[in-house]
C-alpha atoms as a PDB file:
ATOM      1  CA  MET A   1       0.519  85.277 -44.121  1.00  0.00           C
ATOM      2  CA  THR A   2       1.899  82.205 -45.733  1.00  0.00           C
ATOM      3  CA  THR A   3       4.836  80.066 -44.118  1.00  0.00           C
ATOM      4  CA  PRO A   4       8.139  81.180 -45.487  1.00  0.00           C
ATOM      5  CA  THR A   5      10.408  78.306 -47.100  1.00  0.00           C
ATOM      6  CA  PRO A   6      14.330  78.284 -48.328  1.00  0.00           C
ATOM      7  CA  GLU A   7      12.313  78.656 -51.865  1.00  0.00           C
ATOM      8  CA  ARG A   8      10.000  81.809 -50.819  1.00  0.00           C
ATOM      9  CA  PRO A   9      11.581  83.486 -48.257  1.00  0.00           C
ATOM     10  CA  VAL A  10      10.958  87.010 -46.309  1.00  0.00           C
ATOM     11  CA  LEU A  11      12.623  89.697 -48.273  1.00  0.00           C
ATOM     12  CA  VAL A  12      14.279  92.539 -46.563  1.00  0.00           C
ATOM     13  CA  VAL A  13      15.376  95.438 -48.995  1.00  0.00           C
ATOM     14  CA  GLY A  14      18.231  97.112 -47.304  1.00  0.00           C
ATOM     15  CA  ALA A  15      21.366  95.996 -45.632  1.00  0.00           C
ATOM     16  CA  GLY A  16      22.042  98.727 -43.100  1.00  0.00           C
ATOM     17  CA  ILE A  17      21.766  98.165 -39.289  1.00  0.00           C
ATOM     18  CA  SER A  18      17.652  98.182 -39.239  1.00  0.00           C
ATOM     19  CA  GLY A  19      17.431  95.332 -42.080  1.00  0.00           C
ATOM     20  CA  LEU A  20      19.953  93.415 -40.893  1.00  0.00           C
ATOM     21  CA  ALA A  21      18.725  93.378 -37.059  1.00  0.00           C
ATOM     22  CA  CYS A  22      15.397  92.594 -38.541  1.00  0.00           C
ATOM     23  CA  ALA A  23      16.736  89.846 -40.842  1.00  0.00           C
ATOM     24  CA  ARG A  24      18.828  88.511 -37.749  1.00  0.00           C
ATOM     25  CA  VAL A  25      16.021  88.235 -35.591  1.00  0.00           C
ATOM     26  CA  LEU A  26      13.906  85.725 -38.738  1.00  0.00           C
ATOM     27  CA  ALA A  27      17.031  83.975 -39.315  1.00  0.00           C
ATOM     28  CA  ASP A  28      18.082  82.894 -35.519  1.00  0.00           C
ATOM     29  CA  ALA A  29      14.527  81.722 -35.081  1.00  0.00           C
ATOM     30  CA  GLY A  30      15.018  79.679 -37.980  1.00  0.00           C
ATOM     31  CA  VAL A  31      12.788  81.636 -40.521  1.00  0.00           C
ATOM     32  CA  PRO A  32      14.056  81.429 -43.848  1.00  0.00           C
ATOM     33  CA  VAL A  33      14.601  85.214 -44.900  1.00  0.00           C
ATOM     34  CA  ARG A  34      16.987  86.757 -47.923  1.00  0.00           C
ATOM     35  CA  VAL A  35      18.324  90.602 -47.767  1.00  0.00           C
ATOM     36  CA  LEU A  36      18.683  92.413 -50.854  1.00  0.00           C
ATOM     37  CA  ASP A  37      20.764  95.744 -51.415  1.00  0.00           C
ATOM     38  CA  ARG A  38      21.649  97.666 -54.440  1.00  0.00           C
ATOM     39  CA  GLY A  39      25.419  98.485 -52.900  1.00  0.00           C
ATOM     40  CA  ARG A  40      28.239  96.376 -53.401  1.00  0.00           C
ATOM     41  CA  ARG A  41      28.598  95.759 -49.761  1.00  0.00           C
ATOM     42  CA  ILE A  42      26.299  96.145 -47.001  1.00  0.00           C
ATOM     43  CA  GLY A  43      26.382  99.081 -44.536  1.00  0.00           C
ATOM     44  CA  GLY A  44      24.013 102.057 -45.479  1.00  0.00           C
ATOM     45  CA  ARG A  45      24.878 104.711 -43.824  1.00  0.00           C
ATOM     46  CA  MET A  46      26.991 103.149 -41.669  1.00  0.00           C
ATOM     47  CA  SER A  47      29.306 102.864 -44.632  1.00  0.00           C
ATOM     48  CA  GLY A  48      32.562 104.088 -45.162  1.00  0.00           C
ATOM     49  CA  ARG A  49      35.767 104.351 -47.458  1.00  0.00           C
ATOM     50  CA  ARG A  50      38.976 102.637 -47.353  1.00  0.00           C
ATOM     51  CA  VAL A  51      41.960 105.347 -47.872  1.00  0.00           C
ATOM     52  CA  GLU A  52      45.585 105.501 -47.754  1.00  0.00           C
ATOM     53  CA  THR A  53      47.108 107.063 -45.049  1.00  0.00           C
ATOM     54  CA  SER A  54      50.545 108.000 -43.419  1.00  0.00           C
ATOM     55  CA  ALA A  55      49.136 105.578 -40.598  1.00  0.00           C
ATOM     56  CA  GLY A  56      48.688 102.970 -43.295  1.00  0.00           C
ATOM     57  CA  THR A  57      45.335 101.965 -45.158  1.00  0.00           C
ATOM     58  CA  ARG A  58      42.179 102.080 -43.285  1.00  0.00           C
ATOM     59  CA  VAL A  59      38.524 102.819 -43.601  1.00  0.00           C
ATOM     60  CA  ALA A  60      36.963 106.328 -42.927  1.00  0.00           C
ATOM     61  CA  ASP A  61      33.571 106.444 -41.505  1.00  0.00           C
ATOM     62  CA  LEU A  62      31.631 108.599 -43.656  1.00  0.00           C
ATOM     63  CA  GLY A  63      27.959 108.409 -42.437  1.00  0.00           C
ATOM     64  CA  ALA A  64      26.919 108.157 -39.046  1.00  0.00           C
ATOM     65  CA  SER A  65      30.015 109.586 -36.593  1.00  0.00           C
ATOM     66  CA  TYR A  66      29.413 107.449 -33.921  1.00  0.00           C
ATOM     67  CA  PHE A  67      26.751 105.609 -32.004  1.00  0.00           C
ATOM     68  CA  THR A  68      25.214 105.740 -28.402  1.00  0.00           C
ATOM     69  CA  ALA A  69      23.935 103.157 -26.268  1.00  0.00           C
ATOM     70  CA  SER A  70      20.977 103.910 -23.784  1.00  0.00           C
ATOM     71  CA  GLY A  71      19.002 101.759 -21.498  1.00  0.00           C
ATOM     72  CA  THR A  72      19.395  98.290 -20.248  1.00  0.00           C
ATOM     73  CA  GLY A  73      19.225  95.108 -22.187  1.00  0.00           C
ATOM     74  CA  GLY A  74      18.736  95.028 -26.150  1.00  0.00           C
ATOM     75  CA  PHE A  75      21.006  97.376 -27.996  1.00  0.00           C
ATOM     76  CA  ALA A  76      23.239  98.068 -24.559  1.00  0.00           C
ATOM     77  CA  ASP A  77      23.698  94.386 -24.591  1.00  0.00           C
ATOM     78  CA  VAL A  78      24.822  94.178 -28.103  1.00  0.00           C
ATOM     79  CA  VAL A  79      27.138  96.860 -27.626  1.00  0.00           C
ATOM     80  CA  ALA A  80      28.765  95.201 -24.663  1.00  0.00           C
ATOM     81  CA  ASP A  81      29.264  91.953 -26.913  1.00  0.00           C
ATOM     82  CA  TRP A  82      30.771  94.188 -29.226  1.00  0.00           C
ATOM     83  CA  GLU A  83      33.144  95.891 -26.948  1.00  0.00           C
ATOM     84  CA  GLN A  84      34.161  92.695 -25.282  1.00  0.00           C
ATOM     85  CA  ARG A  85      34.932  91.222 -28.547  1.00  0.00           C
ATOM     86  CA  GLY A  86      37.006  94.458 -29.821  1.00  0.00           C
ATOM     87  CA  LEU A  87      34.745  95.533 -32.326  1.00  0.00           C
ATOM     88  CA  ALA A  88      33.514  98.523 -30.722  1.00  0.00           C
ATOM     89  CA  ARG A  89      35.225 101.264 -28.240  1.00  0.00           C
ATOM     90  CA  PRO A  90      34.110 103.764 -26.034  1.00  0.00           C
ATOM     91  CA  TRP A  91      35.464 107.100 -27.856  1.00  0.00           C
ATOM     92  CA  THR A  92      34.227 110.393 -25.883  1.00  0.00           C
ATOM     93  CA  ASP A  93      31.738 111.897 -24.057  1.00  0.00           C
ATOM     94  CA  THR A  94      32.957 115.151 -24.895  1.00  0.00           C
ATOM     95  CA  PHE A  95      32.898 117.238 -28.027  1.00  0.00           C
ATOM     96  CA  ALA A  96      34.169 120.946 -28.680  1.00  0.00           C
ATOM     97  CA  VAL A  97      31.776 123.390 -30.151  1.00  0.00           C
ATOM     98  CA  VAL A  98      32.517 126.046 -32.536  1.00  0.00           C
ATOM     99  CA  ARG A  99      30.581 129.600 -32.367  1.00  0.00           C
ATOM    100  CA  ASP A 100      31.492 132.331 -34.573  1.00  0.00           C
ATOM    101  CA  GLY A 101      34.048 130.433 -36.871  1.00  0.00           C
ATOM    102  CA  HIS A 102      36.193 129.531 -33.763  1.00  0.00           C
ATOM    103  CA  LEU A 103      36.476 126.840 -31.079  1.00  0.00           C
ATOM    104  CA  ALA A 104      34.675 127.984 -27.968  1.00  0.00           C
ATOM    105  CA  GLY A 105      33.955 125.326 -25.064  1.00  0.00           C
ATOM    106  CA  THR A 106      33.006 121.999 -24.861  1.00  0.00           C
ATOM    107  CA  SER A 107      29.578 120.126 -24.658  1.00  0.00           C
ATOM    108  CA  GLN A 108      29.260 116.856 -22.600  1.00  0.00           C
ATOM    109  CA  GLY A 109      26.801 114.113 -23.341  1.00  0.00           C
ATOM    110  CA  PRO A 110      26.575 110.439 -23.646  1.00  0.00           C
ATOM    111  CA  VAL A 111      29.514 108.389 -24.162  1.00  0.00           C
ATOM    112  CA  ARG A 112      29.838 107.885 -27.913  1.00  0.00           C
ATOM    113  CA  TRP A 113      31.274 104.806 -29.247  1.00  0.00           C
ATOM    114  CA  GLY A 114      33.574 104.023 -32.126  1.00  0.00           C
ATOM    115  CA  THR A 115      35.052 101.467 -33.947  1.00  0.00           C
ATOM    116  CA  PRO A 116      38.885 100.227 -34.426  1.00  0.00           C
ATOM    117  CA  GLY A 117      37.567  99.090 -37.863  1.00  0.00           C
ATOM    118  CA  GLY A 118      35.030 101.246 -38.862  1.00  0.00           C
ATOM    119  CA  LEU A 119      31.313 101.274 -38.219  1.00  0.00           C
ATOM    120  CA  ARG A 120      30.472  98.744 -41.248  1.00  0.00           C
ATOM    121  CA  THR A 121      32.344  96.281 -39.158  1.00  0.00           C
ATOM    122  CA  LEU A 122      29.655  95.853 -36.558  1.00  0.00           C
ATOM    123  CA  LEU A 123      27.528  95.279 -39.620  1.00  0.00           C
ATOM    124  CA  ASP A 124      29.485  92.359 -40.951  1.00  0.00           C
ATOM    125  CA  ASP A 125      28.877  91.139 -37.410  1.00  0.00           C
ATOM    126  CA  LEU A 126      25.270  91.264 -37.417  1.00  0.00           C
ATOM    127  CA  ALA A 127      25.293  89.513 -40.924  1.00  0.00           C
ATOM    128  CA  ALA A 128      27.851  86.755 -39.934  1.00  0.00           C
ATOM    129  CA  PRO A 129      28.391  86.619 -36.001  1.00  0.00           C
ATOM    130  CA  PRO A 130      30.543  83.557 -34.645  1.00  0.00           C
ATOM    131  CA  GLY A 131      28.930  80.784 -33.867  1.00  0.00           C
ATOM    132  CA  ARG A 132      25.548  81.600 -35.559  1.00  0.00           C
ATOM    133  CA  ALA A 133      24.201  80.846 -39.150  1.00  0.00           C
ATOM    134  CA  PRO A 134      25.045  83.747 -41.692  1.00  0.00           C
ATOM    135  CA  LEU A 135      22.781  85.874 -43.216  1.00  0.00           C
ATOM    136  CA  ASP A 136      21.657  85.353 -46.767  1.00  0.00           C
ATOM    137  CA  VAL A 137      23.001  88.739 -48.504  1.00  0.00           C
ATOM    138  CA  VAL A 138      22.603  89.532 -52.252  1.00  0.00           C
ATOM    139  CA  THR A 139      24.182  93.007 -52.869  1.00  0.00           C
ATOM    140  CA  GLY A 140      24.271  94.656 -56.048  1.00  0.00           C
ATOM    141  CA  ILE A 141      20.542  94.283 -56.370  1.00  0.00           C
ATOM    142  CA  GLU A 142      18.607  97.039 -57.844  1.00  0.00           C
ATOM    143  CA  VAL A 143      14.990  96.586 -56.529  1.00  0.00           C
ATOM    144  CA  ASP A 144      12.496  98.334 -58.831  1.00  0.00           C
ATOM    145  CA  ALA A 145       8.985  98.068 -57.181  1.00  0.00           C
ATOM    146  CA  VAL A 146       7.384  96.079 -54.428  1.00  0.00           C
ATOM    147  CA  SER A 147       3.724  95.168 -55.461  1.00  0.00           C
ATOM    148  CA  ALA A 148       0.928  93.896 -53.612  1.00  0.00           C
ATOM    149  CA  GLY A 149      -2.001  91.137 -54.928  1.00  0.00           C
ATOM    150  CA  PRO A 150      -4.569  88.888 -53.284  1.00  0.00           C
ATOM    151  CA  GLU A 151      -1.822  86.265 -52.549  1.00  0.00           C
ATOM    152  CA  GLY A 152       0.692  88.501 -51.072  1.00  0.00           C
ATOM    153  CA  PRO A 153       3.488  90.895 -51.407  1.00  0.00           C
ATOM    154  CA  ALA A 154       5.969  90.601 -54.399  1.00  0.00           C
ATOM    155  CA  VAL A 155       9.588  92.416 -55.006  1.00  0.00           C
ATOM    156  CA  ASP A 156       9.869  92.990 -59.054  1.00  0.00           C
ATOM    157  CA  GLY A 157       7.474  90.243 -59.251  1.00  0.00           C
ATOM    158  CA  ARG A 158       9.048  87.332 -56.897  1.00  0.00           C
ATOM    159  CA  PRO A 159       6.296  86.508 -54.461  1.00  0.00           C
ATOM    160  CA  THR A 160       7.111  86.473 -51.031  1.00  0.00           C
ATOM    161  CA  PRO A 161       5.496  85.908 -47.621  1.00  0.00           C
ATOM    162  CA  ALA A 162       6.256  89.454 -46.457  1.00  0.00           C
ATOM    163  CA  VAL A 163       8.516  92.259 -47.466  1.00  0.00           C
ATOM    164  CA  VAL A 164      10.465  94.404 -45.139  1.00  0.00           C
ATOM    165  CA  LEU A 165      11.639  98.171 -46.675  1.00  0.00           C
ATOM    166  CA  ALA A 166      14.439  98.751 -44.220  1.00  0.00           C
ATOM    167  CA  MET A 167      15.766 102.561 -45.737  1.00  0.00           C
ATOM    168  CA  PRO A 168      14.402 106.176 -45.577  1.00  0.00           C
ATOM    169  CA  ASP A 169      10.894 106.726 -46.081  1.00  0.00           C
ATOM    170  CA  PRO A 170      11.324 108.577 -49.804  1.00  0.00           C
ATOM    171  CA  GLN A 171      13.005 105.293 -50.903  1.00  0.00           C
ATOM    172  CA  ALA A 172      10.188 102.996 -49.617  1.00  0.00           C
ATOM    173  CA  ALA A 173       7.772 105.388 -51.180  1.00  0.00           C
ATOM    174  CA  ASP A 174       9.449 105.364 -54.375  1.00  0.00           C
ATOM    175  CA  LEU A 175       8.806 101.210 -54.451  1.00  0.00           C
ATOM    176  CA  LEU A 176       5.381 100.898 -53.228  1.00  0.00           C
ATOM    177  CA  PRO A 177       1.983 101.234 -54.120  1.00  0.00           C
ATOM    178  CA  ARG A 178       0.825 104.672 -53.797  1.00  0.00           C
ATOM    179  CA  MET A 179      -2.041 103.653 -51.541  1.00  0.00           C
ATOM    180  CA  VAL A 180       0.363 101.683 -49.530  1.00  0.00           C
ATOM    181  CA  ALA A 181       2.866 104.402 -48.996  1.00  0.00           C
ATOM    182  CA  THR A 182      -0.207 106.474 -47.793  1.00  0.00           C
ATOM    183  CA  ARG A 183      -1.292 104.245 -45.178  1.00  0.00           C
ATOM    184  CA  LEU A 184       2.478 103.694 -44.356  1.00  0.00           C
ATOM    185  CA  ASP A 185       2.617 107.449 -43.559  1.00  0.00           C
ATOM    186  CA  VAL A 186       6.136 107.214 -45.382  1.00  0.00           C
ATOM    187  CA  SER A 187       7.161 110.626 -46.302  1.00  0.00           C
ATOM    188  CA  ALA A 188       7.743 112.855 -49.252  1.00  0.00           C
ATOM    189  CA  ARG A 189      11.781 113.693 -50.004  1.00  0.00           C
ATOM    190  CA  TRP A 190      11.591 117.250 -48.432  1.00  0.00           C
ATOM    191  CA  ASN A 191      11.103 115.666 -45.081  1.00  0.00           C
ATOM    192  CA  TRP A 192      15.027 113.974 -45.264  1.00  0.00           C
ATOM    193  CA  ARG A 193      18.144 116.311 -44.897  1.00  0.00           C
ATOM    194  CA  PRO A 194      21.024 115.773 -47.566  1.00  0.00           C
ATOM    195  CA  CYS A 195      24.626 115.808 -46.406  1.00  0.00           C
ATOM    196  CA  ILE A 196      27.629 116.057 -48.113  1.00  0.00           C
ATOM    197  CA  ALA A 197      30.486 114.448 -46.086  1.00  0.00           C
ATOM    198  CA  VAL A 198      34.361 115.640 -46.758  1.00  0.00           C
ATOM    199  CA  TYR A 199      37.111 113.692 -45.851  1.00  0.00           C
ATOM    200  CA  ALA A 200      40.811 114.571 -46.116  1.00  0.00           C
ATOM    201  CA  ALA A 201      44.194 113.374 -44.778  1.00  0.00           C
ATOM    202  CA  TRP A 202      47.420 115.181 -44.046  1.00  0.00           C
ATOM    203  CA  GLU A 203      51.005 113.979 -43.405  1.00  0.00           C
ATOM    204  CA  GLN A 204      50.626 114.560 -40.036  1.00  0.00           C
ATOM    205  CA  ARG A 205      48.048 115.652 -37.535  1.00  0.00           C
ATOM    206  CA  TRP A 206      48.175 119.532 -37.337  1.00  0.00           C
ATOM    207  CA  TRP A 207      44.936 120.251 -35.102  1.00  0.00           C
ATOM    208  CA  PRO A 208      44.460 120.703 -31.371  1.00  0.00           C
ATOM    209  CA  ASP A 209      43.154 117.534 -29.055  1.00  0.00           C
ATOM    210  CA  VAL A 210      39.452 118.008 -30.417  1.00  0.00           C
ATOM    211  CA  LYS A 211      38.185 114.752 -30.801  1.00  0.00           C
ATOM    212  CA  ALA A 212      34.948 116.303 -32.509  1.00  0.00           C
ATOM    213  CA  ALA A 213      32.857 119.478 -32.610  1.00  0.00           C
ATOM    214  CA  PHE A 214      29.677 120.796 -33.056  1.00  0.00           C
ATOM    215  CA  VAL A 215      29.592 123.864 -35.617  1.00  0.00           C
ATOM    216  CA  ASN A 216      27.291 126.596 -34.643  1.00  0.00           C
ATOM    217  CA  ASP A 217      26.172 129.483 -36.757  1.00  0.00           C
ATOM    218  CA  SER A 218      27.604 127.793 -40.149  1.00  0.00           C
ATOM    219  CA  ASP A 219      25.570 127.123 -43.289  1.00  0.00           C
ATOM    220  CA  LEU A 220      28.983 125.586 -44.392  1.00  0.00           C
ATOM    221  CA  LEU A 221      29.759 123.160 -41.468  1.00  0.00           C
ATOM    222  CA  VAL A 222      27.780 121.294 -38.916  1.00  0.00           C
ATOM    223  CA  PHE A 223      30.282 118.775 -37.526  1.00  0.00           C
ATOM    224  CA  LEU A 224      33.596 117.950 -37.448  1.00  0.00           C
ATOM    225  CA  ALA A 225      35.358 114.596 -36.468  1.00  0.00           C
ATOM    226  CA  ASP A 226      38.909 113.586 -36.037  1.00  0.00           C
ATOM    227  CA  ASP A 227      38.546 110.177 -37.447  1.00  0.00           C
ATOM    228  CA  GLY A 228      42.006 108.838 -36.337  1.00  0.00           C
ATOM    229  CA  SER A 229      40.661 109.941 -32.394  1.00  0.00           C
ATOM    230  CA  ARG A 230      37.402 107.844 -32.934  1.00  0.00           C
ATOM    231  CA  ARG A 231      38.987 104.822 -34.824  1.00  0.00           C
ATOM    232  CA  GLY A 232      41.941 104.743 -32.010  1.00  0.00           C
ATOM    233  CA  ASP A 233      44.643 104.777 -34.709  1.00  0.00           C
ATOM    234  CA  GLY A 234      45.626 108.353 -34.679  1.00  0.00           C
ATOM    235  CA  ALA A 235      45.437 108.404 -38.444  1.00  0.00           C
ATOM    236  CA  PRO A 236      45.543 112.453 -39.767  1.00  0.00           C
ATOM    237  CA  VAL A 237      42.286 112.377 -41.067  1.00  0.00           C
ATOM    238  CA  LEU A 238      39.327 114.676 -40.665  1.00  0.00           C
ATOM    239  CA  VAL A 239      35.892 114.401 -41.635  1.00  0.00           C
ATOM    240  CA  ALA A 240      33.773 117.254 -41.922  1.00  0.00           C
ATOM    241  CA  HIS A 241      29.871 117.306 -42.820  1.00  0.00           C
ATOM    242  CA  VAL A 242      28.487 120.224 -44.858  1.00  0.00           C
ATOM    243  CA  GLY A 243      25.206 121.673 -43.647  1.00  0.00           C
ATOM    244  CA  PRO A 244      22.203 120.862 -45.470  1.00  0.00           C
ATOM    245  CA  ASP A 245      21.334 123.552 -47.551  1.00  0.00           C
ATOM    246  CA  ARG A 246      24.966 123.972 -48.632  1.00  0.00           C
ATOM    247  CA  SER A 247      24.592 120.083 -49.242  1.00  0.00           C
ATOM    248  CA  ALA A 248      21.447 120.487 -51.235  1.00  0.00           C
ATOM    249  CA  ASP A 249      23.175 122.920 -53.478  1.00  0.00           C
ATOM    250  CA  HIS A 250      26.001 120.596 -54.442  1.00  0.00           C
ATOM    251  CA  LEU A 251      24.398 116.964 -54.641  1.00  0.00           C
ATOM    252  CA  ASP A 252      25.118 116.688 -58.479  1.00  0.00           C
ATOM    253  CA  ALA A 253      28.883 117.314 -57.787  1.00  0.00           C
ATOM    254  CA  PRO A 254      29.796 117.228 -54.481  1.00  0.00           C
ATOM    255  CA  VAL A 255      33.323 117.871 -55.308  1.00  0.00           C
ATOM    256  CA  GLU A 256      32.827 121.267 -55.746  1.00  0.00           C
ATOM    257  CA  VAL A 257      32.434 122.096 -51.976  1.00  0.00           C
ATOM    258  CA  VAL A 258      35.805 120.584 -51.341  1.00  0.00           C
ATOM    259  CA  PRO A 259      37.710 123.312 -51.621  1.00  0.00           C
ATOM    260  CA  GLU A 260      35.614 125.725 -49.303  1.00  0.00           C
ATOM    261  CA  VAL A 261      35.417 122.992 -46.644  1.00  0.00           C
ATOM    262  CA  LEU A 262      39.649 122.527 -46.822  1.00  0.00           C
ATOM    263  CA  ALA A 263      40.047 126.590 -46.470  1.00  0.00           C
ATOM    264  CA  ALA A 264      37.280 126.650 -43.567  1.00  0.00           C
ATOM    265  CA  LEU A 265      39.306 123.829 -41.188  1.00  0.00           C
ATOM    266  CA  GLY A 266      42.423 125.538 -40.596  1.00  0.00           C
ATOM    267  CA  PRO A 267      40.822 129.010 -39.196  1.00  0.00           C
ATOM    268  CA  VAL A 268      38.286 127.146 -37.136  1.00  0.00           C
ATOM    269  CA  LEU A 269      40.460 124.465 -35.328  1.00  0.00           C
ATOM    270  CA  THR A 270      43.687 126.644 -35.298  1.00  0.00           C
ATOM    271  CA  SER A 271      42.832 130.516 -36.344  1.00  0.00           C
ATOM    272  CA  ALA A 272      45.782 129.918 -39.105  1.00  0.00           C
ATOM    273  CA  PRO A 273      45.430 128.347 -42.740  1.00  0.00           C
ATOM    274  CA  THR A 274      44.398 125.024 -43.357  1.00  0.00           C
ATOM    275  CA  PRO A 275      47.891 123.119 -44.285  1.00  0.00           C
ATOM    276  CA  GLN A 276      47.941 121.438 -47.703  1.00  0.00           C
ATOM    277  CA  ALA A 277      46.258 118.084 -47.434  1.00  0.00           C
ATOM    278  CA  GLN A 278      47.528 115.018 -48.999  1.00  0.00           C
ATOM    279  CA  TRP A 279      44.038 114.222 -50.626  1.00  0.00           C
ATOM    280  CA  ALA A 280      40.719 115.066 -50.157  1.00  0.00           C
ATOM    281  CA  ARG A 281      37.346 113.853 -51.357  1.00  0.00           C
ATOM    282  CA  ALA A 282      33.563 114.011 -50.982  1.00  0.00           C
ATOM    283  CA  HIS A 283      30.577 111.886 -50.538  1.00  0.00           C
ATOM    284  CA  ARG A 284      27.223 112.503 -51.044  1.00  0.00           C
ATOM    285  CA  TRP A 285      24.251 111.418 -48.429  1.00  0.00           C
ATOM    286  CA  SER A 286      21.024 112.670 -50.702  1.00  0.00           C
ATOM    287  CA  LEU A 287      18.829 111.293 -47.684  1.00  0.00           C
ATOM    288  CA  ALA A 288      21.187 111.549 -44.327  1.00  0.00           C
ATOM    289  CA  GLN A 289      18.852 112.483 -41.630  1.00  0.00           C
ATOM    290  CA  PRO A 290      14.796 112.512 -41.191  1.00  0.00           C
ATOM    291  CA  LEU A 291      13.205 116.083 -40.419  1.00  0.00           C
ATOM    292  CA  ARG A 292      10.102 114.233 -39.161  1.00  0.00           C
ATOM    293  CA  GLN A 293      10.032 111.042 -37.080  1.00  0.00           C
ATOM    294  CA  HIS A 294       7.762 108.301 -36.336  1.00  0.00           C
ATOM    295  CA  ALA A 295       7.681 109.039 -32.881  1.00  0.00           C
ATOM    296  CA  ASP A 296       5.171 106.910 -31.500  1.00  0.00           C
ATOM    297  CA  ASP A 297       5.867 103.939 -33.607  1.00  0.00           C
ATOM    298  CA  ALA A 298       8.811 101.345 -33.856  1.00  0.00           C
ATOM    299  CA  PHE A 299       7.838 100.249 -37.370  1.00  0.00           C
ATOM    300  CA  GLY A 300       5.818 100.605 -39.928  1.00  0.00           C
ATOM    301  CA  TRP A 301       2.917  97.734 -40.965  1.00  0.00           C
ATOM    302  CA  ASP A 302       0.428  97.091 -43.780  1.00  0.00           C
ATOM    303  CA  GLU A 303      -1.765  94.231 -42.568  1.00  0.00           C
ATOM    304  CA  GLU A 304      -3.672  94.423 -45.718  1.00  0.00           C
ATOM    305  CA  THR A 305      -0.215  93.702 -47.634  1.00  0.00           C
ATOM    306  CA  GLY A 306       2.283  92.221 -45.827  1.00  0.00           C
ATOM    307  CA  ILE A 307       4.774  94.881 -46.045  1.00  0.00           C
ATOM    308  CA  GLY A 308       6.468  96.664 -43.467  1.00  0.00           C
ATOM    309  CA  VAL A 309       9.043  99.738 -43.047  1.00  0.00           C
ATOM    310  CA  CYS A 310      11.933 100.252 -40.325  1.00  0.00           C
ATOM    311  CA  GLY A 311      14.804 102.302 -39.658  1.00  0.00           C
ATOM    312  CA  ASP A 312      15.903 105.420 -37.744  1.00  0.00           C
ATOM    313  CA  ALA A 313      12.845 107.217 -38.613  1.00  0.00           C
ATOM    314  CA  TRP A 314      10.841 105.064 -36.480  1.00  0.00           C
ATOM    315  CA  GLY A 315      11.161 106.304 -32.973  1.00  0.00           C
ATOM    316  CA  GLN A 316      11.761 109.280 -31.020  1.00  0.00           C
ATOM    317  CA  ARG A 317      15.335 110.127 -32.059  1.00  0.00           C
ATOM    318  CA  SER A 318      16.979 109.125 -35.252  1.00  0.00           C
ATOM    319  CA  ARG A 319      20.345 107.205 -33.993  1.00  0.00           C
ATOM    320  CA  VAL A 320      22.000 103.917 -34.983  1.00  0.00           C
ATOM    321  CA  GLN A 321      20.227 102.597 -31.684  1.00  0.00           C
ATOM    322  CA  THR A 322      17.137 103.742 -33.138  1.00  0.00           C
ATOM    323  CA  ALA A 323      17.419 101.749 -36.391  1.00  0.00           C
ATOM    324  CA  TRP A 324      18.668  98.538 -34.621  1.00  0.00           C
ATOM    325  CA  GLU A 325      15.531  98.648 -32.209  1.00  0.00           C
ATOM    326  CA  SER A 326      13.144  99.374 -35.276  1.00  0.00           C
ATOM    327  CA  GLY A 327      14.352  96.435 -37.317  1.00  0.00           C
ATOM    328  CA  THR A 328      14.398  94.006 -34.420  1.00  0.00           C
ATOM    329  CA  ALA A 329      10.787  95.149 -33.221  1.00  0.00           C
ATOM    330  CA  LEU A 330       9.817  94.322 -36.767  1.00  0.00           C
ATOM    331  CA  GLY A 331      11.486  91.281 -37.010  1.00  0.00           C
ATOM    332  CA  ARG A 332       9.843  90.134 -33.914  1.00  0.00           C
ATOM    333  CA  GLU A 333       6.427  91.177 -35.213  1.00  0.00           C
ATOM    334  CA  LEU A 334       7.038  88.914 -38.051  1.00  0.00           C
ATOM    335  CA  LEU A 335       7.980  86.103 -35.754  1.00  0.00           C
ATOM    336  CA  GLY A 336       4.370  86.532 -33.998  1.00  0.00           C
ATOM    337  CA  ARG A 337       2.501  86.770 -37.155  1.00  0.00           C
ATOM    338  CA  PHE A 338       4.055  83.555 -38.661  1.00  0.00           C
ATOM    339  CA  ALA A 339       3.482  81.717 -35.377  1.00  0.00           C
ATOM    340  CA  ARG A 340      -0.221  82.034 -35.618  1.00  0.00           C
END
């Protein structure tokens, strides 16, 4: 591997939490690194949308609903720092459970964390934390191909000492030469679930004190979240995640599922019709969650080409912590290789 320089930095493609975590490890060690992302802003599946509500203008979280932090050190220390600086807040350890179309008890688990400003603010902090050099992030860049030659990898013909693809496996496979994708074992598209997030606001809150709910026995809904509760501002906003099969049926026109979702909310939460919403919208996640985990590996690395892959599919469970740990581990692996 050649030594990274400001003119020829490591290229990380994908500005979700795994890509930013990987780049942060490198940048903090003084290794030149650049992050490329096709979106207008960083965030990946921790993104949200700015909306108008009776509580004011705010961001609704539409991808990851929350995060958890297990163990000591590592991600737990990062979360403790976020909490100390007011970027993250403990939300709840108890969710409601919906069975047969109605609330039917609760389920207790680990503490789920939310954020006052939306989950993307945590990624903004990774990109530009106080007292540390900001990451070199370029948004609005659509990468077409990652190639591999005798002198190392290249992104759209631009040579680089190493490439990190911080994205779902199917997206990585689309960019890579077939043999490299095979060696990295990045999966076919059917190994990921889609999800449509329907989000809506009302003049005032009409549902009971249900912070969130797992929905069982429904092909329409799988999860409901009180966005005002998890943000801590009390805004009358609900976010509903549509089941994978129904989401797949409506990926080309996600707005078509909105009326059915709205109609289901009232009966589920109050056994009464749903009040008229001020507005309701939908967001499509074509690759929302992996069906298969690379459970034995924290990241993928192709020795022959200098190309790595990281994300929430690399680890025991798909979650925010797994994505951070995957990117961090790959960043440390690259540090070790550049030091040889």
